[in-house]
Amino acid sequence: MEERERRQGQDELAERFEAHRAQLRAVAYRMLGSLAEADDAVQEAWLRLSRADGAEVENLAAWLRTVVSRVCLDMLRSRTSRREDPVGQRVPDRPWGAGAERAGSDPEGEAVLVDSVGRAMLVVLDTLAPAERVAFVLHDMFAVPFDRIAPLVGRSPVTTKKLASRARQRVRGTTEIPGAELDRHRVVVDAFLAASRGGDLDALLAVLAPDVVRRADPQALPGGAATEVRGARAVARETVHFGRRSRFAETALVNGAVGVVVAPYGRLLYALTCTVEGDRITAFEVFADPERLRGLDLAVLGPPADGPAR
């Protein structure tokens, strides 16, 4: 009888846990930027709950979120101590989810999560210190009060608020370009990306200046390809040929101007700086060298000045 009651209690606890799994996964993914690691963190939360007395947990959602956050913070600190750096990692051209991340992950689930967070956001989150990232994610993305975050990061509520504020400044970035001009540049770069994704040569020619110049690090090119190409037709043809990469591209602030990050899994692979004059791109440069990528000032491109984000 006791064994049956114990099993029934575990089954009920498992059901209660499953009701929170999706939310825990969302929290962990934003903290870690890896679906495989996020699932590991969620599984660890279940193991700790199964060893605890679930009946004594008054607020299960808050308890689980706290446990997952602590596990994620430990994982982020471990990454830092190992000097793990995802910038410029090569990801093979095969179904995403089978490459840079652990085999057996969920490519469709990861794609949904990446879209829900944003590639640029994930790239910028990867630049934050562990405590900054945890404070920002919990407060700005999940509205957790600072007095509840403070014990997790081992700081006072006031210091925790400062951590989130620093992270927010990094995420938003700065630019000296007027809002209206920034929006106009965004429209041009968005049109370039749309044409690249669709392999639309005519649309690319419409958005590229006749004398456009494309420069690129050798790491972004196949062997023997020129690091500099000039002329709209040559650049457009090349862009169509390599258009599959644009599936993983998103506009972002790059060195304070509208640019592009290419980030499968939300891990930065390439970045583009774009020069826009009028309604056309006159030049762009593809950064792929890890050292050069680390030297870029990357931030999330905010909502347009005249309306909500697209």
Protein backbone atom coordinates (compact mmCIF):
# COMPACT_ATOMS: atom_id res chain seq x y z
CA MET A 1 0.00 0.00 0.00
CA GLU A 2 2.79 2.42 0.93
CA GLU A 3 4.61 1.70 -2.33
CA ARG A 4 1.42 2.29 -4.33
CA GLU A 5 0.81 5.60 -2.54
CA ARG A 6 4.43 6.61 -3.15
CA ARG A 7 4.11 5.89 -6.87
CA GLN A 8 0.80 7.71 -7.05
CA GLY A 9 2.37 10.71 -5.35
CA GLN A 10 5.27 10.70 -7.83
CA ASP A 11 2.85 10.45 -10.75
CA GLU A 12 0.87 13.41 -9.46
CA LEU A 13 4.08 15.38 -8.92
CA ALA A 14 5.19 14.56 -12.47
CA GLU A 15 1.87 15.83 -13.84
CA ARG A 16 2.26 19.09 -11.92
CA PHE A 17 5.81 19.44 -13.24
CA GLU A 18 4.77 18.82 -16.85
CA ALA A 19 2.28 21.67 -16.58
CA HIS A 20 5.27 24.00 -16.10
CA ARG A 21 7.74 22.40 -18.52
CA ALA A 22 7.09 24.74 -21.47
CA GLN A 23 7.56 27.85 -19.34
CA LEU A 24 10.73 26.46 -17.75
CA ARG A 25 12.09 25.59 -21.18
CA ALA A 26 11.42 29.13 -22.37
CA VAL A 27 13.27 30.60 -19.38
CA ALA A 28 16.22 28.24 -19.74
CA TYR A 29 16.52 28.78 -23.49
CA ARG A 30 16.72 32.54 -23.12
CA MET A 31 19.39 32.14 -20.49
CA LEU A 32 21.46 29.54 -22.33
CA GLY A 33 20.69 30.02 -26.03
CA SER A 34 20.86 26.25 -26.56
CA LEU A 35 17.84 23.99 -26.64
CA ALA A 36 19.85 20.92 -25.63
CA GLU A 37 21.30 22.71 -22.61
CA ALA A 38 17.92 24.21 -21.76
CA ASP A 39 16.36 20.75 -21.72
CA ASP A 40 19.21 19.54 -19.50
CA ALA A 41 18.47 22.38 -17.06
CA VAL A 42 14.76 21.55 -17.02
CA GLN A 43 15.52 17.87 -16.45
CA GLU A 44 17.78 18.78 -13.55
CA ALA A 45 14.91 20.78 -12.05
CA TRP A 46 12.69 17.69 -12.25
CA LEU A 47 15.34 15.53 -10.57
CA ARG A 48 15.63 18.01 -7.72
CA LEU A 49 11.86 18.22 -7.36
CA SER A 50 11.51 14.44 -7.34
CA ARG A 51 14.00 14.28 -4.46
CA ALA A 52 12.23 17.04 -2.55
CA ASP A 53 8.93 16.93 -0.66
CA GLY A 54 6.61 18.39 -3.29
CA ALA A 55 3.82 18.73 -0.76
CA GLU A 56 5.85 21.38 1.09
CA VAL A 57 6.35 23.53 -2.01
CA GLU A 58 3.72 26.25 -1.77
CA ASN A 59 4.39 27.99 -5.11
CA LEU A 60 5.61 25.29 -7.47
CA ALA A 61 6.01 27.63 -10.45
CA ALA A 62 8.27 30.01 -8.52
CA TRP A 63 10.21 27.14 -6.94
CA LEU A 64 10.89 25.51 -10.30
CA ARG A 65 11.82 28.80 -11.94
CA THR A 66 14.30 29.45 -9.15
CA VAL A 67 15.87 26.02 -9.51
CA VAL A 68 16.14 26.30 -13.29
CA SER A 69 17.64 29.77 -12.98
CA ARG A 70 20.29 28.55 -10.55
CA VAL A 71 21.16 25.63 -12.80
CA CYS A 72 21.42 27.95 -15.82
CA LEU A 73 23.60 30.41 -13.90
CA ASP A 74 25.96 27.58 -12.96
CA MET A 75 26.09 26.46 -16.60
CA LEU A 76 26.81 30.00 -17.81
CA ARG A 77 29.59 30.41 -15.25
CA SER A 78 31.03 27.06 -16.29
CA ARG A 79 31.07 28.25 -19.90
CA THR A 80 32.94 31.38 -18.87
CA SER A 81 35.53 29.42 -16.89
CA ARG A 82 36.10 27.18 -19.93
CA ARG A 83 36.30 30.31 -22.11
CA GLU A 84 33.68 28.79 -24.40
CA ASP A 85 33.06 31.21 -27.25
CA PRO A 86 30.27 30.54 -29.78
CA VAL A 87 31.25 33.47 -32.03
CA GLY A 88 32.20 32.40 -35.53
CA GLN A 89 31.53 28.70 -34.94
CA ARG A 90 31.04 26.76 -38.13
CA VAL A 91 27.63 25.16 -38.50
CA PRO A 92 27.23 22.63 -41.32
CA ASP A 93 24.70 23.21 -44.08
CA ARG A 94 22.31 20.47 -43.00
CA PRO A 95 19.08 20.44 -41.00
CA TRP A 96 19.66 22.77 -38.06
CA GLY A 97 19.51 20.90 -34.78
CA ALA A 98 21.85 18.16 -35.99
CA GLY A 99 24.95 20.30 -36.23
CA ALA A 100 26.34 22.64 -33.60
CA GLU A 101 24.00 21.37 -30.92
CA ARG A 102 23.86 17.90 -29.47
CA ALA A 103 22.50 15.17 -31.74
CA GLY A 104 18.89 14.31 -30.96
CA SER A 105 17.77 17.86 -30.21
CA ASP A 106 14.49 19.19 -31.56
CA PRO A 107 15.16 21.28 -34.72
CA GLU A 108 11.54 22.36 -35.13
CA GLY A 109 11.23 23.26 -31.46
CA GLU A 110 14.48 25.18 -31.61
CA ALA A 111 13.35 27.08 -34.72
CA VAL A 112 10.18 28.16 -32.90
CA LEU A 113 12.17 29.30 -29.87
CA VAL A 114 14.72 31.19 -31.98
CA ASP A 115 11.90 33.01 -33.79
CA SER A 116 10.13 33.81 -30.52
CA VAL A 117 13.26 35.37 -29.01
CA GLY A 118 14.92 36.80 -32.13
CA ARG A 119 18.34 35.95 -33.54
CA ALA A 120 19.80 39.36 -32.77
CA MET A 121 18.57 39.12 -29.17
CA LEU A 122 20.19 35.71 -28.71
CA VAL A 123 23.45 36.97 -30.20
CA VAL A 124 23.53 39.96 -27.84
CA LEU A 125 22.52 37.87 -24.82
CA ASP A 126 25.60 35.75 -25.48
CA THR A 127 27.77 38.83 -24.89
CA LEU A 128 26.44 39.42 -21.37
CA ALA A 129 28.10 38.27 -18.16
CA PRO A 130 26.24 35.35 -16.50
CA ALA A 131 24.70 37.39 -13.68
CA GLU A 132 23.70 40.17 -16.10
CA ARG A 133 22.03 37.69 -18.41
CA VAL A 134 20.07 36.01 -15.62
CA ALA A 135 18.94 39.33 -14.15
CA PHE A 136 17.89 40.71 -17.53
CA VAL A 137 16.07 37.57 -18.68
CA LEU A 138 14.15 37.10 -15.45
CA HIS A 139 13.19 40.75 -14.98
CA ASP A 140 12.77 42.10 -18.51
CA MET A 141 11.41 38.97 -20.17
CA PHE A 142 9.50 37.29 -17.34
CA ALA A 143 8.73 40.21 -14.98
CA VAL A 144 10.36 38.62 -11.93
CA PRO A 145 10.92 41.26 -9.19
CA PHE A 146 14.50 42.16 -8.35
CA ASP A 147 14.14 41.10 -4.73
CA ARG A 148 13.49 37.55 -5.95
CA ILE A 149 16.35 37.60 -8.46
CA ALA A 150 18.90 39.00 -5.99
CA PRO A 151 19.39 35.76 -3.98
CA LEU A 152 19.95 33.83 -7.22
CA VAL A 153 22.85 36.00 -8.35
CA GLY A 154 24.17 36.63 -4.84
CA ARG A 155 23.68 40.40 -4.96
CA SER A 156 21.48 42.95 -3.25
CA PRO A 157 18.25 44.00 -5.01
CA VAL A 158 19.81 47.39 -5.80
CA THR A 159 22.90 45.80 -7.37
CA THR A 160 20.74 43.28 -9.22
CA LYS A 161 18.75 46.16 -10.71
CA LYS A 162 22.03 47.68 -11.91
CA LEU A 163 23.01 44.36 -13.50
CA ALA A 164 19.77 44.31 -15.48
CA SER A 165 20.19 47.97 -16.42
CA ARG A 166 23.69 47.36 -17.82
CA ALA A 167 22.40 44.39 -19.76
CA ARG A 168 19.50 46.44 -21.11
CA GLN A 169 21.89 49.10 -22.37
CA ARG A 170 23.94 46.45 -24.17
CA VAL A 171 20.82 44.94 -25.72
CA ARG A 172 19.47 48.29 -26.94
CA GLY A 173 22.80 49.69 -28.10
CA THR A 174 23.35 53.26 -29.21
CA THR A 175 23.28 55.04 -32.54
CA GLU A 176 23.78 58.61 -33.68
CA ILE A 177 21.61 58.08 -36.76
CA PRO A 178 18.26 59.95 -36.55
CA GLY A 179 15.24 57.70 -36.10
CA ALA A 180 13.67 58.44 -39.48
CA GLU A 181 16.93 57.73 -41.29
CA LEU A 182 17.47 54.55 -39.28
CA ASP A 183 13.97 53.36 -40.27
CA ARG A 184 14.69 54.11 -43.93
CA HIS A 185 17.92 52.13 -43.78
CA ARG A 186 16.06 49.26 -42.13
CA VAL A 187 13.54 49.17 -44.99
CA VAL A 188 16.38 48.94 -47.52
CA VAL A 189 18.26 46.21 -45.64
CA ASP A 190 15.02 44.27 -45.02
CA ALA A 191 14.34 44.41 -48.76
CA PHE A 192 17.85 43.09 -49.42
CA LEU A 193 17.29 40.17 -47.02
CA ALA A 194 13.86 39.38 -48.48
CA ALA A 195 15.29 39.29 -51.99
CA SER A 196 18.19 37.12 -50.78
CA ARG A 197 15.85 34.62 -49.13
CA GLY A 198 13.69 34.44 -52.24
CA GLY A 199 16.61 34.21 -54.64
CA ASP A 200 15.04 37.13 -56.52
CA LEU A 201 17.72 38.54 -58.82
CA ASP A 202 15.58 41.44 -60.07
CA ALA A 203 14.67 42.50 -56.52
CA LEU A 204 18.34 42.39 -55.53
CA LEU A 205 19.29 44.56 -58.52
CA ALA A 206 16.60 47.03 -57.45
CA VAL A 207 18.05 47.42 -53.94
CA LEU A 208 21.77 47.40 -54.86
CA ALA A 209 23.50 50.47 -56.25
CA PRO A 210 24.98 49.92 -59.74
CA ASP A 211 28.52 50.29 -58.38
CA VAL A 212 27.93 48.39 -55.11
CA VAL A 213 30.99 46.82 -53.47
CA ARG A 214 30.88 43.58 -51.48
CA ARG A 215 33.82 42.81 -49.22
CA ALA A 216 34.12 39.69 -47.10
CA ASP A 217 36.46 37.82 -44.79
CA PRO A 218 37.89 34.69 -46.43
CA GLN A 219 36.15 32.55 -43.77
CA ALA A 220 32.79 33.54 -45.23
CA LEU A 221 33.71 32.42 -48.77
CA PRO A 222 34.42 29.15 -50.56
CA GLY A 223 38.03 28.54 -51.42
CA GLY A 224 39.34 30.79 -54.16
CA ALA A 225 36.44 33.25 -54.08
CA ALA A 226 37.32 36.92 -54.32
CA THR A 227 37.22 38.87 -51.07
CA GLU A 228 35.95 41.89 -53.01
CA VAL A 229 33.31 41.98 -55.74
CA ARG A 230 32.07 45.10 -57.54
CA GLY A 231 28.96 45.83 -59.56
CA ALA A 232 25.29 45.15 -58.88
CA ARG A 233 24.88 42.20 -61.24
CA ALA A 234 27.96 40.34 -59.97
CA VAL A 235 27.04 40.95 -56.33
CA ALA A 236 23.39 40.00 -56.92
CA ARG A 237 24.30 36.73 -58.64
CA GLU A 238 26.65 35.81 -55.84
CA THR A 239 24.00 36.69 -53.23
CA VAL A 240 21.45 34.45 -54.96
CA HIS A 241 23.98 31.61 -54.98
CA PHE A 242 24.60 31.90 -51.24
CA GLY A 243 21.03 32.87 -50.42
CA ARG A 244 20.37 29.85 -48.20
CA ARG A 245 22.37 31.53 -45.45
CA SER A 246 19.87 34.38 -45.35
CA ARG A 247 17.32 32.00 -43.80
CA PHE A 248 19.22 32.55 -40.58
CA ALA A 249 19.72 36.30 -40.97
CA GLU A 250 18.09 39.19 -39.14
CA THR A 251 18.58 42.93 -39.12
CA ALA A 252 20.44 44.29 -36.10
CA LEU A 253 22.41 47.28 -34.97
CA VAL A 254 26.00 46.70 -36.07
CA ASN A 255 28.43 49.40 -34.95
CA GLY A 256 25.47 51.72 -34.40
CA ALA A 257 23.98 51.34 -37.89
CA VAL A 258 21.53 48.97 -39.55
CA GLY A 259 23.30 45.75 -40.40
CA VAL A 260 22.69 42.01 -40.38
CA VAL A 261 23.54 39.07 -38.14
CA VAL A 262 23.53 35.54 -39.52
CA ALA A 263 22.95 33.28 -36.56
CA PRO A 264 21.78 29.68 -36.91
CA TYR A 265 20.68 28.50 -33.45
CA GLY A 266 21.08 32.12 -32.41
CA ARG A 267 24.87 31.61 -32.47
CA LEU A 268 26.67 34.32 -34.41
CA LEU A 269 28.27 33.03 -37.60
CA TYR A 270 28.51 36.15 -39.76
CA ALA A 271 27.70 39.84 -39.45
CA LEU A 272 27.20 42.40 -42.22
CA THR A 273 27.78 46.12 -42.09
CA CYS A 274 25.82 47.98 -44.74
CA THR A 275 26.25 51.41 -46.30
CA VAL A 276 22.92 52.80 -47.48
CA GLU A 277 22.59 55.87 -49.67
CA GLY A 278 19.13 56.93 -50.78
CA ASP A 279 17.14 53.74 -51.19
CA ARG A 280 20.02 51.47 -52.20
CA ILE A 281 22.93 49.64 -50.64
CA THR A 282 26.20 51.02 -51.97
CA ALA A 283 28.50 48.68 -50.03
CA PHE A 284 28.42 45.88 -47.50
CA GLU A 285 31.05 43.87 -45.72
CA VAL A 286 30.72 40.32 -44.39
CA PHE A 287 32.54 39.65 -41.12
CA ALA A 288 33.33 36.01 -40.40
CA ASP A 289 36.72 36.08 -38.69
CA PRO A 290 36.08 35.40 -34.96
CA GLU A 291 38.43 38.15 -33.82
CA ARG A 292 36.77 40.71 -36.08
CA LEU A 293 33.30 39.54 -35.01
CA ARG A 294 34.22 40.03 -31.35
CA GLY A 295 35.27 43.58 -32.16
CA LEU A 296 31.82 44.55 -33.47
CA ASP A 297 29.32 46.47 -31.36
CA LEU A 298 26.12 44.45 -31.76
CA ALA A 299 22.67 45.33 -30.43
CA VAL A 300 19.00 44.64 -31.09
CA LEU A 301 17.35 46.94 -33.59
CA GLY A 302 14.43 48.54 -31.75
CA PRO A 303 10.92 49.31 -33.03
CA PRO A 304 10.59 51.80 -35.88
CA ALA A 305 10.20 55.40 -34.78
CA ASP A 306 6.74 55.61 -36.35
CA GLY A 307 5.22 52.34 -35.27
CA PRO A 308 5.57 48.87 -33.72
CA ALA A 309 8.28 46.42 -34.68
CA ARG A 310 7.61 44.42 -37.76
